[in-house]
């Protein structure tokens, strides 16, 4: 009887150890993925001849492109940055000819931000990078067969949004 109990405990210990190892592997993979993705995208831009932009500036360009009526405040809100940080960055982007700022016709306190052709080219390059990255994953039929990857990424996105919301509420 003791041998059976011992075997049962060994099997449970093995399952618990496997879960611990899996969590450690996932933690390492996510950590590396997040830091490497930013670095690789920056290298991608440099390889395409874009050497005068930081990844922060590229993120701001993307936020402007995705906003229907971008103002300094809406960009700051989208990126969870202060208005001062966005103002400083947008001024730099304007000097580099990636964006232009225009006063609101009805309220001079608001500045709208628009991409120039040069800025639109950066956004297109970002989309090309994203498309290439997503294609690498989606071209794997076994990953896409079931919706496991979509479920996993949805849960991860939900976690990030929950944390983001939590800290926005605490401000």
N, C-alpha and C. Protein backbone atom coordinates (compact mmCIF):
# COMPACT_ATOMS: atom_id res chain seq x y z
N UNK A 1 0.81 -1.19 0.00
CA UNK A 1 0.00 0.00 0.00
C UNK A 1 0.86 1.26 0.00
N UNK A 2 1.92 1.24 0.81
CA UNK A 2 2.83 2.38 0.88
C UNK A 2 3.50 2.64 -0.47
N UNK A 3 3.79 1.57 -1.20
CA UNK A 3 4.42 1.71 -2.52
C UNK A 3 3.49 2.44 -3.48
N UNK A 4 2.20 2.13 -3.41
CA UNK A 4 1.21 2.79 -4.27
C UNK A 4 1.11 4.26 -3.92
N UNK A 5 1.06 4.58 -2.62
CA UNK A 5 1.01 5.98 -2.17
C UNK A 5 2.27 6.72 -2.61
N UNK A 6 3.41 6.05 -2.47
CA UNK A 6 4.68 6.65 -2.86
C UNK A 6 4.71 6.93 -4.36
N UNK A 7 4.20 5.99 -5.17
CA UNK A 7 4.14 6.19 -6.61
C UNK A 7 3.21 7.35 -6.96
N UNK A 8 2.09 7.45 -6.25
CA UNK A 8 1.14 8.54 -6.46
C UNK A 8 1.78 9.89 -6.16
N UNK A 9 2.54 9.95 -5.07
CA UNK A 9 3.24 11.19 -4.72
C UNK A 9 4.31 11.53 -5.74
N UNK A 10 5.02 10.51 -6.21
CA UNK A 10 6.06 10.74 -7.21
C UNK A 10 5.47 11.30 -8.50
N UNK A 11 4.33 10.76 -8.89
CA UNK A 11 3.67 11.25 -10.10
C UNK A 11 3.21 12.70 -9.91
N UNK A 12 2.67 13.01 -8.72
CA UNK A 12 2.24 14.38 -8.44
C UNK A 12 3.45 15.33 -8.41
N UNK A 13 4.54 14.87 -7.79
CA UNK A 13 5.76 15.68 -7.75
C UNK A 13 6.28 15.95 -9.15
N UNK A 14 6.22 14.91 -9.99
CA UNK A 14 6.67 15.05 -11.37
C UNK A 14 5.82 16.08 -12.12
N UNK A 15 4.49 16.02 -11.92
CA UNK A 15 3.59 16.99 -12.56
C UNK A 15 3.86 18.40 -12.06
N UNK A 16 4.06 18.54 -10.74
CA UNK A 16 4.35 19.86 -10.18
C UNK A 16 5.68 20.41 -10.69
N UNK A 17 6.69 19.55 -10.74
CA UNK A 17 7.99 19.97 -11.26
C UNK A 17 7.90 20.39 -12.72
N UNK A 18 7.09 19.64 -13.47
CA UNK A 18 6.93 19.96 -14.90
C UNK A 18 6.28 21.35 -15.04
N UNK A 19 5.26 21.63 -14.22
CA UNK A 19 4.60 22.93 -14.27
C UNK A 19 5.57 24.05 -13.91
N UNK A 20 6.42 23.82 -12.92
CA UNK A 20 7.41 24.83 -12.52
C UNK A 20 8.38 25.09 -13.66
N UNK A 21 8.87 24.03 -14.28
CA UNK A 21 9.80 24.17 -15.40
C UNK A 21 9.13 24.88 -16.57
N UNK A 22 7.87 24.51 -16.86
CA UNK A 22 7.15 25.16 -17.95
C UNK A 22 7.00 26.66 -17.69
N UNK A 23 6.65 27.02 -16.46
CA UNK A 23 6.51 28.44 -16.11
C UNK A 23 7.83 29.18 -16.27
N UNK A 24 8.91 28.56 -15.86
CA UNK A 24 10.23 29.19 -16.00
C UNK A 24 10.59 29.39 -17.47
N UNK A 25 10.29 28.40 -18.29
CA UNK A 25 10.57 28.50 -19.73
C UNK A 25 9.72 29.60 -20.35
N UNK A 26 8.44 29.62 -20.02
CA UNK A 26 7.54 30.66 -20.56
C UNK A 26 8.00 32.04 -20.12
N UNK A 27 8.38 32.18 -18.86
CA UNK A 27 8.86 33.46 -18.35
C UNK A 27 10.08 33.93 -19.13
N UNK A 28 11.02 33.03 -19.33
CA UNK A 28 12.24 33.37 -20.07
C UNK A 28 11.93 33.73 -21.53
N UNK A 29 11.06 32.94 -22.16
CA UNK A 29 10.69 33.21 -23.55
C UNK A 29 9.99 34.56 -23.71
N UNK A 30 9.04 34.86 -22.84
CA UNK A 30 8.33 36.15 -22.91
C UNK A 30 9.28 37.31 -22.66
N UNK A 31 10.13 37.17 -21.67
CA UNK A 31 11.08 38.24 -21.36
C UNK A 31 12.00 38.51 -22.54
N UNK A 32 12.55 37.45 -23.10
CA UNK A 32 13.43 37.60 -24.27
C UNK A 32 12.69 38.15 -25.47
N UNK A 33 11.49 37.65 -25.69
CA UNK A 33 10.69 38.08 -26.84
C UNK A 33 10.40 39.58 -26.78
N UNK A 34 9.97 40.06 -25.62
CA UNK A 34 9.62 41.46 -25.48
C UNK A 34 10.83 42.36 -25.71
N UNK A 35 11.95 42.03 -25.10
CA UNK A 35 13.13 42.89 -25.26
C UNK A 35 13.75 42.74 -26.66
N UNK A 36 13.78 41.53 -27.18
CA UNK A 36 14.38 41.31 -28.50
C UNK A 36 13.54 41.90 -29.63
N UNK A 37 12.21 41.86 -29.50
CA UNK A 37 11.35 42.38 -30.57
C UNK A 37 11.62 43.86 -30.81
N UNK A 38 11.77 44.62 -29.75
CA UNK A 38 12.06 46.05 -29.88
C UNK A 38 13.42 46.27 -30.53
N UNK A 39 14.39 45.53 -30.07
CA UNK A 39 15.75 45.65 -30.61
C UNK A 39 15.80 45.25 -32.09
N UNK A 40 15.15 44.16 -32.43
CA UNK A 40 15.15 43.67 -33.82
C UNK A 40 14.43 44.66 -34.74
N UNK A 41 13.32 45.20 -34.28
CA UNK A 41 12.61 46.18 -35.12
C UNK A 41 13.47 47.41 -35.36
N UNK A 42 14.19 47.83 -34.33
CA UNK A 42 15.08 48.98 -34.50
C UNK A 42 16.17 48.67 -35.53
N UNK A 43 16.71 47.46 -35.48
CA UNK A 43 17.71 47.03 -36.47
C UNK A 43 17.10 46.98 -37.87
N UNK A 44 15.87 46.53 -37.95
CA UNK A 44 15.13 46.47 -39.22
C UNK A 44 15.04 47.87 -39.84
N UNK A 45 14.70 48.85 -39.01
CA UNK A 45 14.62 50.24 -39.49
C UNK A 45 15.99 50.76 -39.93
N UNK A 46 17.01 50.46 -39.15
CA UNK A 46 18.36 50.90 -39.54
C UNK A 46 18.77 50.26 -40.86
N UNK A 47 18.45 48.98 -41.03
CA UNK A 47 18.75 48.28 -42.28
C UNK A 47 18.03 48.89 -43.47
N UNK A 48 16.88 49.52 -43.20
CA UNK A 48 16.11 50.17 -44.26
C UNK A 48 16.56 51.62 -44.46
N UNK A 49 17.61 52.01 -43.75
CA UNK A 49 18.16 53.36 -43.94
C UNK A 49 17.61 54.41 -42.99
N UNK A 50 16.79 54.01 -42.03
CA UNK A 50 16.24 54.96 -41.05
C UNK A 50 17.16 54.96 -39.84
N UNK A 51 18.00 55.98 -39.76
CA UNK A 51 18.98 56.03 -38.68
C UNK A 51 18.76 57.18 -37.71
N UNK A 52 17.78 58.04 -38.01
CA UNK A 52 17.58 59.23 -37.18
C UNK A 52 16.39 59.13 -36.23
N UNK A 53 15.84 57.93 -36.06
CA UNK A 53 14.68 57.77 -35.18
C UNK A 53 14.96 56.73 -34.09
N UNK A 54 14.48 57.04 -32.89
CA UNK A 54 14.52 56.06 -31.81
C UNK A 54 13.23 55.23 -31.89
N UNK A 55 13.20 54.13 -31.17
CA UNK A 55 11.98 53.32 -31.16
C UNK A 55 10.83 54.08 -30.51
N UNK A 56 11.14 54.94 -29.55
CA UNK A 56 10.09 55.77 -28.94
C UNK A 56 9.46 56.68 -29.98
N UNK A 57 10.28 57.26 -30.83
CA UNK A 57 9.76 58.14 -31.88
C UNK A 57 8.95 57.35 -32.90
N UNK A 58 9.40 56.15 -33.21
CA UNK A 58 8.67 55.29 -34.14
C UNK A 58 7.31 54.93 -33.53
N UNK A 59 7.28 54.65 -32.23
CA UNK A 59 6.01 54.35 -31.56
C UNK A 59 5.06 55.54 -31.61
N UNK A 60 5.60 56.73 -31.48
CA UNK A 60 4.77 57.94 -31.56
C UNK A 60 4.21 58.10 -32.97
N UNK A 61 5.03 57.86 -33.97
CA UNK A 61 4.56 57.92 -35.37
C UNK A 61 3.43 56.92 -35.58
N UNK A 62 3.58 55.71 -35.04
CA UNK A 62 2.53 54.69 -35.17
C UNK A 62 1.25 55.12 -34.47
N UNK A 63 1.39 55.72 -33.30
CA UNK A 63 0.20 56.19 -32.57
C UNK A 63 -0.52 57.28 -33.34
N UNK A 64 0.23 58.18 -33.96
CA UNK A 64 -0.37 59.25 -34.76
C UNK A 64 -1.13 58.65 -35.94
N UNK A 65 -0.50 57.67 -36.61
CA UNK A 65 -1.11 57.06 -37.79
C UNK A 65 -2.41 56.32 -37.44
N UNK A 66 -2.47 55.78 -36.25
CA UNK A 66 -3.63 54.97 -35.86
C UNK A 66 -4.76 55.81 -35.25
N UNK A 67 -4.49 57.07 -35.01
CA UNK A 67 -5.49 57.96 -34.40
C UNK A 67 -6.22 58.71 -35.50
N UNK A 68 -7.53 58.69 -35.45
CA UNK A 68 -8.35 59.34 -36.48
C UNK A 68 -8.17 60.85 -36.49
N UNK A 69 -8.04 61.45 -35.33
CA UNK A 69 -7.89 62.90 -35.22
C UNK A 69 -6.86 63.18 -34.13
N UNK A 70 -5.58 62.92 -34.42
CA UNK A 70 -4.56 62.97 -33.37
C UNK A 70 -4.30 64.37 -32.82
N UNK A 71 -4.42 64.45 -31.50
CA UNK A 71 -4.00 65.65 -30.78
C UNK A 71 -2.86 65.22 -29.86
N UNK A 72 -2.18 66.19 -29.30
CA UNK A 72 -1.09 65.86 -28.39
C UNK A 72 -1.63 65.01 -27.22
N UNK A 73 -2.80 65.38 -26.71
CA UNK A 73 -3.41 64.66 -25.58
C UNK A 73 -3.80 63.23 -25.96
N UNK A 74 -4.38 63.06 -27.13
CA UNK A 74 -4.81 61.71 -27.52
C UNK A 74 -3.61 60.79 -27.75
N UNK A 75 -2.53 61.36 -28.27
CA UNK A 75 -1.31 60.56 -28.47
C UNK A 75 -0.73 60.17 -27.11
N UNK A 76 -0.67 61.14 -26.20
CA UNK A 76 -0.16 60.87 -24.85
C UNK A 76 -0.99 59.79 -24.16
N UNK A 77 -2.29 59.89 -24.29
CA UNK A 77 -3.18 58.92 -23.66
C UNK A 77 -2.98 57.53 -24.26
N UNK A 78 -2.89 57.45 -25.57
CA UNK A 78 -2.71 56.15 -26.25
C UNK A 78 -1.42 55.46 -25.80
N UNK A 79 -0.37 56.26 -25.60
CA UNK A 79 0.93 55.70 -25.26
C UNK A 79 1.22 55.71 -23.76
N UNK A 80 0.25 56.18 -22.96
CA UNK A 80 0.42 56.27 -21.50
C UNK A 80 1.65 57.10 -21.13
N UNK A 81 1.77 58.23 -21.79
CA UNK A 81 2.86 59.17 -21.52
C UNK A 81 2.26 60.52 -21.13
N UNK A 82 3.09 61.38 -20.61
CA UNK A 82 2.59 62.71 -20.23
C UNK A 82 2.51 63.60 -21.47
N UNK A 83 1.70 64.63 -21.37
CA UNK A 83 1.60 65.60 -22.47
C UNK A 83 2.96 66.26 -22.73
N UNK A 84 3.70 66.53 -21.66
CA UNK A 84 5.03 67.14 -21.81
C UNK A 84 5.99 66.26 -22.59
N UNK A 85 5.97 64.98 -22.31
CA UNK A 85 6.84 64.03 -23.02
C UNK A 85 6.47 64.01 -24.50
N UNK A 86 5.18 63.96 -24.78
CA UNK A 86 4.73 63.92 -26.17
C UNK A 86 5.08 65.23 -26.88
N UNK A 87 4.88 66.34 -26.21
CA UNK A 87 5.20 67.64 -26.82
C UNK A 87 6.67 67.70 -27.21
N UNK A 88 7.54 67.30 -26.31
CA UNK A 88 8.98 67.30 -26.59
C UNK A 88 9.31 66.39 -27.77
N UNK A 89 8.75 65.19 -27.76
CA UNK A 89 9.03 64.23 -28.83
C UNK A 89 8.47 64.68 -30.17
N UNK A 90 7.26 65.22 -30.17
CA UNK A 90 6.64 65.67 -31.42
C UNK A 90 7.41 66.85 -32.00
N UNK A 91 7.91 67.72 -31.14
CA UNK A 91 8.74 68.83 -31.64
C UNK A 91 9.99 68.30 -32.35
N UNK A 92 10.60 67.28 -31.78
CA UNK A 92 11.77 66.66 -32.42
C UNK A 92 11.39 66.03 -33.76
N UNK A 93 10.25 65.32 -33.77
CA UNK A 93 9.79 64.70 -35.01
C UNK A 93 9.45 65.75 -36.06
N UNK A 94 8.95 66.89 -35.62
CA UNK A 94 8.63 67.97 -36.55
C UNK A 94 9.92 68.55 -37.16
N UNK A 95 10.95 68.70 -36.35
CA UNK A 95 12.25 69.18 -36.85
C UNK A 95 12.85 68.21 -37.85
N UNK A 96 12.59 66.92 -37.64
CA UNK A 96 13.11 65.88 -38.54
C UNK A 96 12.19 65.68 -39.76
N UNK A 97 11.11 66.44 -39.83
CA UNK A 97 10.16 66.46 -40.95
C UNK A 97 9.30 65.19 -41.07
N UNK A 98 9.04 64.53 -39.94
CA UNK A 98 8.18 63.36 -39.94
C UNK A 98 6.73 63.71 -39.65
N UNK A 99 6.51 64.83 -38.95
CA UNK A 99 5.17 65.25 -38.59
C UNK A 99 5.04 66.77 -38.75
N UNK A 100 3.79 67.21 -38.80
CA UNK A 100 3.51 68.64 -38.72
C UNK A 100 2.41 68.82 -37.67
N UNK A 101 2.48 69.96 -36.98
CA UNK A 101 1.45 70.28 -35.99
C UNK A 101 0.64 71.46 -36.51
N UNK A 102 -0.65 71.38 -36.29
CA UNK A 102 -1.54 72.46 -36.70
C UNK A 102 -2.49 72.78 -35.56
N UNK A 103 -2.77 74.06 -35.40
CA UNK A 103 -3.74 74.48 -34.38
C UNK A 103 -5.14 74.04 -34.79
N UNK A 104 -5.95 73.73 -33.82
CA UNK A 104 -7.35 73.41 -34.05
C UNK A 104 -8.05 74.68 -34.53
N UNK A 105 -8.92 74.54 -35.51
CA UNK A 105 -9.62 75.70 -36.07
C UNK A 105 -10.54 76.37 -35.06
N UNK A 106 -11.08 75.58 -34.13
CA UNK A 106 -12.07 76.10 -33.19
C UNK A 106 -11.48 76.45 -31.83
N UNK A 107 -10.41 75.79 -31.47
CA UNK A 107 -9.83 76.00 -30.14
C UNK A 107 -8.31 75.97 -30.25
N UNK A 108 -7.69 77.12 -30.12
CA UNK A 108 -6.24 77.25 -30.33
C UNK A 108 -5.41 76.50 -29.29
N UNK A 109 -6.04 76.08 -28.21
CA UNK A 109 -5.29 75.34 -27.18
C UNK A 109 -4.90 73.96 -27.68
N UNK A 110 -5.62 73.44 -28.64
CA UNK A 110 -5.37 72.09 -29.15
C UNK A 110 -4.49 72.14 -30.39
N UNK A 111 -3.56 71.21 -30.42
CA UNK A 111 -2.71 71.04 -31.60
C UNK A 111 -2.97 69.65 -32.17
N UNK A 112 -3.25 69.61 -33.45
CA UNK A 112 -3.40 68.33 -34.14
C UNK A 112 -2.06 67.99 -34.77
N UNK A 113 -1.77 66.70 -34.82
CA UNK A 113 -0.49 66.24 -35.34
C UNK A 113 -0.76 65.34 -36.54
N UNK A 114 -0.08 65.60 -37.62
CA UNK A 114 -0.27 64.83 -38.85
C UNK A 114 1.07 64.32 -39.35
N UNK A 115 1.04 63.15 -39.96
CA UNK A 115 2.25 62.60 -40.56
C UNK A 115 2.52 63.27 -41.90
N UNK A 116 3.78 63.54 -42.15
CA UNK A 116 4.19 63.99 -43.48
C UNK A 116 4.37 62.74 -44.33
N UNK A 117 4.72 62.92 -45.57
CA UNK A 117 5.00 61.76 -46.43
C UNK A 117 6.12 60.92 -45.83
N UNK A 118 7.11 61.59 -45.29
CA UNK A 118 8.23 60.90 -44.65
C UNK A 118 7.73 60.08 -43.44
N UNK A 119 6.82 60.64 -42.66
CA UNK A 119 6.23 59.94 -41.52
C UNK A 119 5.38 58.76 -41.96
N UNK A 120 4.63 58.95 -43.04
CA UNK A 120 3.81 57.85 -43.58
C UNK A 120 4.68 56.71 -44.08
N UNK A 121 5.85 57.04 -44.60
CA UNK A 121 6.78 56.00 -45.04
C UNK A 121 7.27 55.16 -43.85
N UNK A 122 7.50 55.82 -42.73
CA UNK A 122 7.93 55.11 -41.52
C UNK A 122 6.81 54.18 -41.05
N UNK A 123 5.58 54.67 -41.07
CA UNK A 123 4.45 53.84 -40.66
C UNK A 123 4.32 52.63 -41.59
N UNK A 124 4.50 52.84 -42.88
CA UNK A 124 4.44 51.73 -43.85
C UNK A 124 5.55 50.72 -43.57
N UNK A 125 6.73 51.20 -43.22
CA UNK A 125 7.85 50.32 -42.91
C UNK A 125 7.55 49.50 -41.65
N UNK A 126 6.95 50.15 -40.66
CA UNK A 126 6.55 49.45 -39.44
C UNK A 126 5.53 48.35 -39.78
N UNK A 127 4.56 48.67 -40.62
CA UNK A 127 3.56 47.68 -41.03
C UNK A 127 4.20 46.52 -41.77
N UNK A 128 5.19 46.81 -42.60
CA UNK A 128 5.90 45.75 -43.33
C UNK A 128 6.61 44.81 -42.35
N UNK A 129 7.24 45.39 -41.34
CA UNK A 129 7.91 44.59 -40.32
C UNK A 129 6.90 43.70 -39.59
N UNK A 130 5.77 44.31 -39.19
CA UNK A 130 4.73 43.57 -38.49
C UNK A 130 4.19 42.42 -39.35
N UNK A 131 3.96 42.73 -40.61
CA UNK A 131 3.43 41.72 -41.54
C UNK A 131 4.41 40.55 -41.68
N UNK A 132 5.68 40.86 -41.79
CA UNK A 132 6.70 39.82 -41.93
C UNK A 132 6.75 38.95 -40.66
N UNK A 133 6.67 39.60 -39.52
CA UNK A 133 6.72 38.88 -38.24
C UNK A 133 5.49 37.98 -38.09
N UNK A 134 4.32 38.51 -38.36
CA UNK A 134 3.08 37.74 -38.23
C UNK A 134 3.05 36.59 -39.24
N UNK A 135 3.54 36.84 -40.44
CA UNK A 135 3.57 35.78 -41.45
C UNK A 135 4.42 34.60 -41.00
N UNK A 136 5.51 34.88 -40.30
CA UNK A 136 6.37 33.81 -39.81
C UNK A 136 5.59 32.88 -38.87
N UNK A 137 4.73 33.45 -38.08
CA UNK A 137 3.95 32.66 -37.13
C UNK A 137 2.78 31.98 -37.84
N UNK A 138 2.07 32.74 -38.65
CA UNK A 138 0.85 32.23 -39.29
C UNK A 138 1.12 31.22 -40.39
N UNK A 139 2.32 31.17 -40.89
CA UNK A 139 2.66 30.20 -41.93
C UNK A 139 2.87 28.80 -41.36
N UNK A 140 2.75 28.67 -40.05
CA UNK A 140 2.91 27.39 -39.40
C UNK A 140 1.52 26.78 -39.17
N UNK A 141 1.09 25.84 -40.04
CA UNK A 141 -0.27 25.30 -39.94
C UNK A 141 -0.60 24.68 -38.58
N UNK A 142 0.38 24.04 -37.95
CA UNK A 142 0.09 23.40 -36.67
C UNK A 142 -0.19 24.43 -35.57
N UNK A 143 0.42 25.59 -35.65
CA UNK A 143 0.13 26.65 -34.68
C UNK A 143 -1.26 27.25 -34.90
N UNK A 144 -1.67 27.33 -36.14
CA UNK A 144 -2.93 27.99 -36.47
C UNK A 144 -4.12 27.02 -36.53
N UNK A 145 -3.82 25.72 -36.47
CA UNK A 145 -4.86 24.70 -36.58
C UNK A 145 -5.97 24.92 -35.56
N UNK A 146 -5.62 24.99 -34.33
CA UNK A 146 -6.56 25.30 -33.26
C UNK A 146 -6.34 26.78 -32.94
N UNK A 147 -7.20 27.33 -32.19
CA UNK A 147 -7.06 28.75 -31.85
C UNK A 147 -6.24 28.96 -30.58
N UNK A 148 -5.34 28.03 -30.28
CA UNK A 148 -4.55 28.12 -29.05
C UNK A 148 -3.68 29.37 -29.03
N UNK A 149 -3.04 29.68 -30.13
CA UNK A 149 -2.16 30.85 -30.17
C UNK A 149 -2.97 32.13 -29.98
N UNK A 150 -4.11 32.21 -30.63
CA UNK A 150 -4.96 33.39 -30.49
C UNK A 150 -5.46 33.49 -29.05
N UNK A 151 -5.84 32.37 -28.46
CA UNK A 151 -6.28 32.37 -27.07
C UNK A 151 -5.16 32.83 -26.14
N UNK A 152 -3.97 32.30 -26.37
CA UNK A 152 -2.81 32.66 -25.55
C UNK A 152 -2.51 34.16 -25.65
N UNK A 153 -2.45 34.67 -26.87
CA UNK A 153 -2.15 36.08 -27.06
C UNK A 153 -3.26 36.97 -26.52
N UNK A 154 -4.50 36.50 -26.61
CA UNK A 154 -5.63 37.26 -26.04
C UNK A 154 -5.51 37.35 -24.52
N UNK A 155 -5.14 36.25 -23.88
CA UNK A 155 -4.96 36.25 -22.43
C UNK A 155 -3.81 37.17 -22.03
N UNK A 156 -2.73 37.12 -22.78
CA UNK A 156 -1.58 37.98 -22.50
C UNK A 156 -1.96 39.45 -22.68
N UNK A 157 -2.67 39.74 -23.74
CA UNK A 157 -3.12 41.10 -24.00
C UNK A 157 -4.08 41.57 -22.91
N UNK A 158 -4.97 40.69 -22.48
CA UNK A 158 -5.88 41.02 -21.40
C UNK A 158 -5.15 41.34 -20.11
N UNK A 159 -4.12 40.55 -19.81
CA UNK A 159 -3.31 40.80 -18.62
C UNK A 159 -2.65 42.18 -18.70
N UNK A 160 -2.03 42.48 -19.84
CA UNK A 160 -1.36 43.76 -20.01
C UNK A 160 -2.36 44.91 -19.89
N UNK A 161 -3.53 44.77 -20.51
CA UNK A 161 -4.55 45.82 -20.42
C UNK A 161 -5.08 45.99 -19.00
N UNK A 162 -5.23 44.89 -18.26
CA UNK A 162 -5.68 44.98 -16.87
C UNK A 162 -4.67 45.76 -16.03
N UNK A 163 -3.40 45.47 -16.20
CA UNK A 163 -2.35 46.17 -15.46
C UNK A 163 -2.32 47.64 -15.88
N UNK A 164 -2.41 47.89 -17.17
CA UNK A 164 -2.42 49.27 -17.69
C UNK A 164 -3.59 50.05 -17.09
N UNK A 165 -4.76 49.45 -17.08
CA UNK A 165 -5.95 50.09 -16.53
C UNK A 165 -5.79 50.34 -15.03
N UNK A 166 -5.24 49.35 -14.33
CA UNK A 166 -5.04 49.48 -12.89
C UNK A 166 -4.20 50.71 -12.57
N UNK A 167 -3.11 50.90 -13.30
CA UNK A 167 -2.23 52.01 -13.01
C UNK A 167 -2.77 53.33 -13.52
N UNK A 168 -3.62 53.30 -14.54
CA UNK A 168 -4.28 54.53 -15.00
C UNK A 168 -5.27 55.00 -13.94
N UNK A 169 -5.97 54.05 -13.33
CA UNK A 169 -6.96 54.38 -12.29
C UNK A 169 -6.26 54.95 -11.05
N UNK A 170 -5.08 54.45 -10.74
CA UNK A 170 -4.35 54.88 -9.55
C UNK A 170 -3.71 56.26 -9.72
N UNK A 171 -3.63 56.79 -10.94
CA UNK A 171 -2.98 58.08 -11.16
C UNK A 171 -3.66 59.19 -10.41
